[in-house]
Amino acid sequence: FFLYKLDQVTAFGRVSAAAAVADVVLKDYAKEVSGLFGNMRLPASILGGSILGLGVSSAPKVEESDSRFMKLFKRMNLLLGIASFLNEIVAITYSSIAINKLSEVTAHELSDSLTNYVAANCKL
């Protein structure tokens, strides 16, 4: 016993799989994705500022009286601080580029989920 209604087929009170797929709503997630990238940019800038102060400018100075391993550790501390700071700069740069790309394009592709929207529109 089947009942035919407009665009869906109901069999014994159950909606068919084709009708369930037809109910997927496509949406423009540009504002939500911009917010996600903004949430990456702000902490990265705060951490970058603190790393610059703590890891680079206040790094321990290498002295002649230090042992060989102590000199190595002090130099590695400075290099690690610089590498961490550069990683934060990369995160800020990529998130800014993604936000700018989303704001420049007026006709965005519609998607059924936020994850699919990011995969389709935010390729760096």
Foldseek 3Di string as FASTA:
>chain_A
DWDDDDPFIADPNDTDPVVVVVPQDWDDCLVVLLVVLVVQQVVLVVVLVVLCVPQAPPQDDDDPPDDPVVNVVSVVSNVVSVVSNVVSVVSNVLSVVQNVQSVVDDDADIDRDPVVSCVVRRDD
